[in-house]
C-alpha atoms as a PDB file:
ATOM      1  CA  MET A   1    -104.259  45.201 132.284  1.00  0.00           C
ATOM      2  CA  VAL A   2    -107.089  46.800 134.239  1.00  0.00           C
ATOM      3  CA  ILE A   3    -107.663  45.369 137.702  1.00  0.00           C
ATOM      4  CA  LYS A   4    -111.207  45.738 138.985  1.00  0.00           C
ATOM      5  CA  THR A   5    -111.419  45.744 142.767  1.00  0.00           C
ATOM      6  CA  LYS A   6    -114.405  44.303 144.591  1.00  0.00           C
ATOM      7  CA  GLN A   7    -116.642  46.702 146.425  1.00  0.00           C
ATOM      8  CA  SER A   8    -116.976  46.186 150.168  1.00  0.00           C
ATOM      9  CA  PRO A   9    -120.233  44.384 151.055  1.00  0.00           C
ATOM     10  CA  LEU A  10    -120.848  47.169 153.584  1.00  0.00           C
ATOM     11  CA  ILE A  11    -120.980  49.764 150.793  1.00  0.00           C
ATOM     12  CA  LYS A  12    -124.233  49.997 148.868  1.00  0.00           C
ATOM     13  CA  GLU A  13    -124.110  49.778 145.090  1.00  0.00           C
ATOM     14  CA  SER A  14    -125.395  53.034 143.594  1.00  0.00           C
ATOM     15  CA  ILE A  15    -127.516  53.819 140.576  1.00  0.00           C
ATOM     16  CA  LEU A  16    -128.072  57.244 139.046  1.00  0.00           C
ATOM     17  CA  ILE A  17    -131.340  57.748 137.195  1.00  0.00           C
ATOM     18  CA  GLY A  18    -131.971  60.847 135.104  1.00  0.00           C
ATOM     19  CA  ARG A  19    -135.519  61.464 133.889  1.00  0.00           C
ATOM     20  CA  CYS A  20    -137.572  64.368 132.642  1.00  0.00           C
ATOM     21  CA  SER A  21    -141.250  64.890 131.822  1.00  0.00           C
ATOM     22  CA  CYS A  22    -140.956  67.975 129.636  1.00  0.00           C
ATOM     23  CA  ASP A  23    -143.382  66.748 126.963  1.00  0.00           C
ATOM     24  CA  LYS A  24    -145.952  64.051 126.287  1.00  0.00           C
ATOM     25  CA  VAL A  25    -143.360  61.634 124.878  1.00  0.00           C
ATOM     26  CA  VAL A  26    -140.649  61.595 127.554  1.00  0.00           C
ATOM     27  CA  ARG A  27    -143.176  61.541 130.388  1.00  0.00           C
ATOM     28  CA  TYR A  28    -143.665  57.856 129.570  1.00  0.00           C
ATOM     29  CA  PRO A  29    -140.057  56.786 130.279  1.00  0.00           C
ATOM     30  CA  PHE A  30    -140.230  59.168 133.254  1.00  0.00           C
ATOM     31  CA  TYR A  31    -143.051  57.077 134.681  1.00  0.00           C
ATOM     32  CA  TRP A  32    -141.423  53.758 133.676  1.00  0.00           C
ATOM     33  CA  SER A  33    -138.420  54.641 135.858  1.00  0.00           C
ATOM     34  CA  GLU A  34    -140.568  54.302 138.967  1.00  0.00           C
ATOM     35  CA  GLU A  35    -140.557  50.535 138.487  1.00  0.00           C
ATOM     36  CA  ILE A  36    -136.747  50.441 138.340  1.00  0.00           C
ATOM     37  CA  ILE A  37    -136.406  52.725 141.354  1.00  0.00           C
ATOM     38  CA  ASP A  38    -138.649  50.374 143.354  1.00  0.00           C
ATOM     39  CA  GLU A  39    -136.597  47.373 142.230  1.00  0.00           C
ATOM     40  CA  ALA A  40    -133.309  49.083 143.086  1.00  0.00           C
ATOM     41  CA  ASN A  41    -134.605  50.017 146.538  1.00  0.00           C
ATOM     42  CA  LYS A  42    -135.645  46.409 147.162  1.00  0.00           C
ATOM     43  CA  LEU A  43    -132.127  45.348 146.218  1.00  0.00           C
ATOM     44  CA  GLY A  44    -130.731  47.756 148.828  1.00  0.00           C
ATOM     45  CA  MET A  45    -129.134  50.022 146.252  1.00  0.00           C
ATOM     46  CA  ASN A  46    -128.462  53.715 146.786  1.00  0.00           C
ATOM     47  CA  VAL A  47    -130.704  55.481 144.248  1.00  0.00           C
ATOM     48  CA  ILE A  48    -129.853  58.961 142.982  1.00  0.00           C
ATOM     49  CA  ASP A  49    -133.012  60.141 141.236  1.00  0.00           C
ATOM     50  CA  LEU A  50    -132.416  63.275 139.153  1.00  0.00           C
ATOM     51  CA  LYS A  51    -135.839  64.233 137.863  1.00  0.00           C
ATOM     52  CA  LYS A  52    -137.428  67.154 136.053  1.00  0.00           C
ATOM     53  CA  GLU A  53    -135.433  70.395 136.576  1.00  0.00           C
ATOM     54  CA  ASN A  54    -132.745  68.492 138.523  1.00  0.00           C
ATOM     55  CA  PHE A  55    -131.856  66.427 135.455  1.00  0.00           C
ATOM     56  CA  ILE A  56    -129.127  68.776 134.181  1.00  0.00           C
ATOM     57  CA  GLU A  57    -125.449  68.460 133.318  1.00  0.00           C
ATOM     58  CA  GLN A  58    -124.003  69.989 136.497  1.00  0.00           C
ATOM     59  CA  ASN A  59    -126.059  67.661 138.689  1.00  0.00           C
ATOM     60  CA  ILE A  60    -124.937  64.643 136.678  1.00  0.00           C
ATOM     61  CA  LEU A  61    -121.312  65.672 137.268  1.00  0.00           C
ATOM     62  CA  LYS A  62    -121.918  66.417 140.946  1.00  0.00           C
ATOM     63  CA  HIS A  63    -123.562  63.125 141.801  1.00  0.00           C
ATOM     64  CA  LEU A  64    -121.304  60.946 139.669  1.00  0.00           C
ATOM     65  CA  ASN A  65    -118.331  62.382 141.561  1.00  0.00           C
ATOM     66  CA  LYS A  66    -120.028  62.224 144.956  1.00  0.00           C
ATOM     67  CA  HIS A  67    -121.647  58.776 144.826  1.00  0.00           C
ATOM     68  CA  ASN A  68    -119.639  57.010 142.092  1.00  0.00           C
ATOM     69  CA  PRO A  69    -122.621  54.959 140.853  1.00  0.00           C
ATOM     70  CA  ARG A  70    -121.922  51.821 138.864  1.00  0.00           C
ATOM     71  CA  TYR A  71    -125.143  52.253 136.879  1.00  0.00           C
ATOM     72  CA  VAL A  72    -126.293  55.310 134.916  1.00  0.00           C
ATOM     73  CA  PHE A  73    -129.800  55.119 133.448  1.00  0.00           C
ATOM     74  CA  LEU A  74    -130.981  58.161 131.485  1.00  0.00           C
ATOM     75  CA  ASN A  75    -134.390  58.836 129.916  1.00  0.00           C
ATOM     76  CA  GLY A  76    -134.995  61.797 127.635  1.00  0.00           C
ATOM     77  CA  HIS A  77    -134.444  63.145 124.166  1.00  0.00           C
ATOM     78  CA  GLY A  78    -131.164  62.652 122.329  1.00  0.00           C
ATOM     79  CA  ASP A  79    -129.226  62.721 119.087  1.00  0.00           C
ATOM     80  CA  ASP A  80    -126.061  61.131 117.723  1.00  0.00           C
ATOM     81  CA  PHE A  81    -123.849  63.235 119.976  1.00  0.00           C
ATOM     82  CA  SER A  82    -125.780  63.977 123.180  1.00  0.00           C
ATOM     83  CA  ALA A  83    -128.175  62.542 125.718  1.00  0.00           C
ATOM     84  CA  MET A  84    -130.501  65.317 126.854  1.00  0.00           C
ATOM     85  CA  GLY A  85    -132.161  66.156 130.139  1.00  0.00           C
ATOM     86  CA  PHE A  86    -134.465  68.915 131.349  1.00  0.00           C
ATOM     87  CA  ASN A  87    -135.785  71.096 128.489  1.00  0.00           C
ATOM     88  CA  LYS A  88    -133.584  69.160 126.023  1.00  0.00           C
ATOM     89  CA  SER A  89    -130.370  70.449 127.588  1.00  0.00           C
ATOM     90  CA  PRO A  90    -127.423  68.104 126.895  1.00  0.00           C
ATOM     91  CA  VAL A  91    -126.244  66.179 129.951  1.00  0.00           C
ATOM     92  CA  LEU A  92    -123.778  63.808 128.254  1.00  0.00           C
ATOM     93  CA  THR A  93    -121.987  64.859 125.088  1.00  0.00           C
ATOM     94  CA  ALA A  94    -119.457  63.012 122.947  1.00  0.00           C
ATOM     95  CA  ASN A  95    -115.891  64.257 123.389  1.00  0.00           C
ATOM     96  CA  LYS A  96    -116.999  66.729 126.043  1.00  0.00           C
ATOM     97  CA  ASN A  97    -118.004  64.827 129.175  1.00  0.00           C
ATOM     98  CA  ASP A  98    -118.522  61.260 127.950  1.00  0.00           C
ATOM     99  CA  TYR A  99    -115.525  60.350 130.137  1.00  0.00           C
ATOM    100  CA  LEU A 100    -118.022  60.450 133.025  1.00  0.00           C
ATOM    101  CA  LEU A 101    -119.127  56.965 131.975  1.00  0.00           C
ATOM    102  CA  ILE A 102    -115.666  55.450 132.531  1.00  0.00           C
ATOM    103  CA  GLY A 103    -116.078  52.196 134.442  1.00  0.00           C
ATOM    104  CA  ARG A 104    -119.867  52.474 134.468  1.00  0.00           C
ATOM    105  CA  ILE A 105    -122.800  50.614 132.920  1.00  0.00           C
ATOM    106  CA  ALA A 106    -125.137  52.903 130.988  1.00  0.00           C
ATOM    107  CA  HIS A 107    -128.696  52.303 129.807  1.00  0.00           C
ATOM    108  CA  ILE A 108    -129.848  55.314 127.822  1.00  0.00           C
ATOM    109  CA  ILE A 109    -133.379  55.554 126.436  1.00  0.00           C
ATOM    110  CA  SER A 110    -132.932  58.324 123.886  1.00  0.00           C
ATOM    111  CA  CYS A 111    -133.024  58.608 120.131  1.00  0.00           C
ATOM    112  CA  LYS A 112    -129.736  57.952 118.322  1.00  0.00           C
ATOM    113  CA  THR A 113    -127.342  58.082 121.296  1.00  0.00           C
ATOM    114  CA  GLY A 114    -126.248  54.539 120.417  1.00  0.00           C
ATOM    115  CA  ASN A 115    -124.212  56.030 117.588  1.00  0.00           C
ATOM    116  CA  PHE A 116    -121.358  58.488 118.130  1.00  0.00           C
ATOM    117  CA  LEU A 117    -121.950  59.151 121.827  1.00  0.00           C
ATOM    118  CA  ALA A 118    -121.924  55.462 122.701  1.00  0.00           C
ATOM    119  CA  LEU A 119    -118.797  54.738 120.663  1.00  0.00           C
ATOM    120  CA  CYS A 120    -116.930  57.713 122.115  1.00  0.00           C
ATOM    121  CA  ALA A 121    -117.866  56.713 125.658  1.00  0.00           C
ATOM    122  CA  MET A 122    -116.759  53.137 125.034  1.00  0.00           C
ATOM    123  CA  ASP A 123    -113.431  54.362 123.614  1.00  0.00           C
ATOM    124  CA  LYS A 124    -112.852  56.270 126.829  1.00  0.00           C
ATOM    125  CA  GLY A 125    -113.570  53.285 129.074  1.00  0.00           C
ATOM    126  CA  CYS A 126    -117.313  52.985 129.634  1.00  0.00           C
ATOM    127  CA  GLU A 127    -117.804  49.422 130.896  1.00  0.00           C
ATOM    128  CA  ALA A 128    -121.024  48.753 128.994  1.00  0.00           C
ATOM    129  CA  TYR A 129    -123.658  50.676 127.072  1.00  0.00           C
ATOM    130  CA  LEU A 130    -127.196  49.731 126.061  1.00  0.00           C
ATOM    131  CA  GLY A 131    -129.334  52.039 123.962  1.00  0.00           C
ATOM    132  CA  TYR A 132    -130.657  52.867 120.491  1.00  0.00           C
ATOM    133  CA  LYS A 133    -128.751  53.717 117.316  1.00  0.00           C
ATOM    134  CA  ASP A 134    -131.731  55.438 115.663  1.00  0.00           C
ATOM    135  CA  ASN A 135    -135.067  56.789 116.832  1.00  0.00           C
ATOM    136  CA  PHE A 136    -136.735  55.265 119.874  1.00  0.00           C
ATOM    137  CA  TYR A 137    -140.477  54.952 119.326  1.00  0.00           C
ATOM    138  CA  ILE A 138    -143.337  55.020 121.827  1.00  0.00           C
ATOM    139  CA  TRP A 139    -146.983  54.401 120.988  1.00  0.00           C
ATOM    140  CA  PHE A 140    -149.621  55.502 123.489  1.00  0.00           C
ATOM    141  CA  ILE A 141    -153.364  56.110 123.569  1.00  0.00           C
ATOM    142  CA  GLU A 142    -153.854  57.676 127.002  1.00  0.00           C
ATOM    143  CA  GLU A 143    -152.723  60.976 128.467  1.00  0.00           C
ATOM    144  CA  ASP A 144    -151.856  59.210 131.730  1.00  0.00           C
ATOM    145  CA  PRO A 145    -148.948  56.721 131.358  1.00  0.00           C
ATOM    146  CA  LYS A 146    -150.296  54.727 134.313  1.00  0.00           C
ATOM    147  CA  LYS A 147    -153.453  53.871 132.371  1.00  0.00           C
ATOM    148  CA  ASP A 148    -151.957  53.159 128.957  1.00  0.00           C
ATOM    149  CA  VAL A 149    -152.214  49.512 127.863  1.00  0.00           C
ATOM    150  CA  ILE A 150    -150.305  50.141 124.638  1.00  0.00           C
ATOM    151  CA  ALA A 151    -147.282  51.957 126.079  1.00  0.00           C
ATOM    152  CA  ILE A 152    -146.797  49.134 128.569  1.00  0.00           C
ATOM    153  CA  MET A 153    -145.477  46.984 125.714  1.00  0.00           C
ATOM    154  CA  PHE A 154    -142.620  49.436 125.216  1.00  0.00           C
ATOM    155  CA  GLN A 155    -142.151  49.798 128.962  1.00  0.00           C
ATOM    156  CA  GLU A 156    -141.731  46.042 129.326  1.00  0.00           C
ATOM    157  CA  ALA A 157    -138.882  45.867 126.803  1.00  0.00           C
ATOM    158  CA  VAL A 158    -137.070  48.847 128.346  1.00  0.00           C
ATOM    159  CA  ASN A 159    -137.465  47.864 131.981  1.00  0.00           C
ATOM    160  CA  THR A 160    -136.647  44.211 131.365  1.00  0.00           C
ATOM    161  CA  ALA A 161    -133.155  45.307 130.335  1.00  0.00           C
ATOM    162  CA  SER A 162    -132.755  47.639 133.317  1.00  0.00           C
ATOM    163  CA  ARG A 163    -133.816  44.934 135.770  1.00  0.00           C
ATOM    164  CA  VAL A 164    -131.329  42.453 134.333  1.00  0.00           C
ATOM    165  CA  LEU A 165    -128.512  44.970 134.744  1.00  0.00           C
ATOM    166  CA  ILE A 166    -129.215  45.999 138.341  1.00  0.00           C
ATOM    167  CA  ASN A 167    -129.594  42.342 139.303  1.00  0.00           C
ATOM    168  CA  GLY A 168    -126.026  41.725 138.156  1.00  0.00           C
ATOM    169  CA  GLY A 169    -126.645  40.450 134.627  1.00  0.00           C
ATOM    170  CA  SER A 170    -124.401  41.353 131.704  1.00  0.00           C
ATOM    171  CA  VAL A 171    -125.313  43.934 129.102  1.00  0.00           C
ATOM    172  CA  LYS A 172    -125.520  41.078 126.585  1.00  0.00           C
ATOM    173  CA  GLU A 173    -128.102  39.328 128.772  1.00  0.00           C
ATOM    174  CA  ALA A 174    -130.017  42.582 129.216  1.00  0.00           C
ATOM    175  CA  PHE A 175    -130.042  43.122 125.448  1.00  0.00           C
ATOM    176  CA  GLU A 176    -131.215  39.570 124.731  1.00  0.00           C
ATOM    177  CA  LYS A 177    -134.019  39.692 127.321  1.00  0.00           C
ATOM    178  CA  SER A 178    -135.176  43.036 125.976  1.00  0.00           C
ATOM    179  CA  GLN A 179    -135.116  41.697 122.428  1.00  0.00           C
ATOM    180  CA  GLU A 180    -137.220  38.748 123.561  1.00  0.00           C
ATOM    181  CA  ALA A 181    -139.745  41.135 125.105  1.00  0.00           C
ATOM    182  CA  TYR A 182    -139.971  43.103 121.866  1.00  0.00           C
ATOM    183  CA  GLU A 183    -140.408  39.912 119.841  1.00  0.00           C
ATOM    184  CA  ARG A 184    -143.111  38.587 122.178  1.00  0.00           C
ATOM    185  CA  ARG A 185    -145.094  41.812 121.937  1.00  0.00           C
ATOM    186  CA  ILE A 186    -144.660  41.945 118.161  1.00  0.00           C
ATOM    187  CA  ASN A 187    -146.098  38.440 117.855  1.00  0.00           C
ATOM    188  CA  GLU A 188    -149.016  39.276 120.155  1.00  0.00           C
ATOM    189  CA  CYS A 189    -149.864  42.294 118.017  1.00  0.00           C
ATOM    190  CA  LYS A 190    -149.583  40.248 114.826  1.00  0.00           C
ATOM    191  CA  GLU A 191    -152.151  37.786 116.182  1.00  0.00           C
ATOM    192  CA  LYS A 192    -154.568  40.660 116.680  1.00  0.00           C
ATOM    193  CA  TYR A 193    -153.720  42.174 113.303  1.00  0.00           C
ATOM    194  CA  PHE A 194    -154.564  38.965 111.433  1.00  0.00           C
ATOM    195  CA  ASP A 195    -157.680  38.198 113.492  1.00  0.00           C
ATOM    196  CA  PRO A 196    -160.637  38.203 111.032  1.00  0.00           C
ATOM    197  CA  ALA A 197    -162.776  39.879 113.692  1.00  0.00           C
ATOM    198  CA  CYS A 198    -160.392  42.860 113.906  1.00  0.00           C
ATOM    199  CA  SER A 199    -161.878  46.090 112.524  1.00  0.00           C
ATOM    200  CA  ASP A 200    -160.051  48.102 109.882  1.00  0.00           C
ATOM    201  CA  GLU A 201    -159.444  50.906 112.379  1.00  0.00           C
ATOM    202  CA  ILE A 202    -157.922  48.619 115.003  1.00  0.00           C
ATOM    203  CA  ARG A 203    -155.904  46.806 112.333  1.00  0.00           C
ATOM    204  CA  ASP A 204    -154.435  50.107 111.142  1.00  0.00           C
ATOM    205  CA  ILE A 205    -153.450  51.137 114.676  1.00  0.00           C
ATOM    206  CA  THR A 206    -152.080  47.674 115.439  1.00  0.00           C
ATOM    207  CA  GLY A 207    -149.979  47.772 112.276  1.00  0.00           C
ATOM    208  CA  ARG A 208    -148.419  51.062 113.389  1.00  0.00           C
ATOM    209  CA  ILE A 209    -147.659  49.641 116.828  1.00  0.00           C
ATOM    210  CA  ILE A 210    -146.041  46.577 115.260  1.00  0.00           C
ATOM    211  CA  ASN A 211    -143.864  48.799 113.096  1.00  0.00           C
ATOM    212  CA  ALA A 212    -142.739  50.854 116.122  1.00  0.00           C
ATOM    213  CA  LEU A 213    -141.865  47.712 118.094  1.00  0.00           C
ATOM    214  CA  ILE A 214    -139.948  46.256 115.148  1.00  0.00           C
ATOM    215  CA  LEU A 215    -137.960  49.470 114.695  1.00  0.00           C
ATOM    216  CA  ASN A 216    -137.053  49.631 118.393  1.00  0.00           C
ATOM    217  CA  LYS A 217    -135.946  45.998 118.294  1.00  0.00           C
ATOM    218  CA  LYS A 218    -133.833  46.705 115.214  1.00  0.00           C
ATOM    219  CA  ASN A 219    -132.358  49.947 116.583  1.00  0.00           C
ATOM    220  CA  GLN A 220    -131.405  48.581 120.008  1.00  0.00           C
ATOM    221  CA  VAL A 221    -127.632  48.116 120.407  1.00  0.00           C
ATOM    222  CA  TYR A 222    -125.169  47.228 123.124  1.00  0.00           C
ATOM    223  CA  PHE A 223    -121.426  47.538 123.681  1.00  0.00           C
ATOM    224  CA  SER A 224    -119.192  46.123 126.418  1.00  0.00           C
ATOM    225  CA  ILE A 225    -115.541  45.735 127.321  1.00  0.00           C
ATOM    226  CA  ASP A 226    -113.748  42.962 129.213  1.00  0.00           C
ATOM    227  CA  LEU A 227    -112.499  44.292 132.548  1.00  0.00           C
ATOM    228  CA  ALA A 228    -111.105  40.979 133.781  1.00  0.00           C
END
């Protein structure tokens, strides 16, 4: 039996966020993290923000050991075996350093890390994991993430889950709320797609956005263990 001790109310809960902006795709989740950092600060959490060139394996190890954060949120590229940081360098790798997630709640926005990496981390004692078992898709129409009205649909689904977690919700609740956000946006796009006034060009783009949202909803997975 594993006994989980309560943290002293005088000790701030910590969250480690890893984010990179190495290319035009990952700079969107990089920007989305700002919303979660603001929320965590409002909650009085200790935020460790590893961004750009600081988002590397040795810094992950250093700050996990130093601050012992309960939450680990990573944004970047990935594959079945690794979550990647700055310049696609692996920061968490299955059967190498996935033990770093023992007792922690992870939300990883990367392609395919919900496969082998997630399962290996859970086998070693990760408390909960939320991520994607296949590709994670982002649609955008602007160079600046702050101005993009399309990417915000993907941002909403991702950040809804993160907010649930840092506010004390379960990974199951985070998954369900995120799924609801995906479904709501899919339905909104379908209304536009089937609008008789919609041009062929807009309908084609909308159809692609719908497909990306559906795939993200389908590929999203979560795992948890009972620590009681």
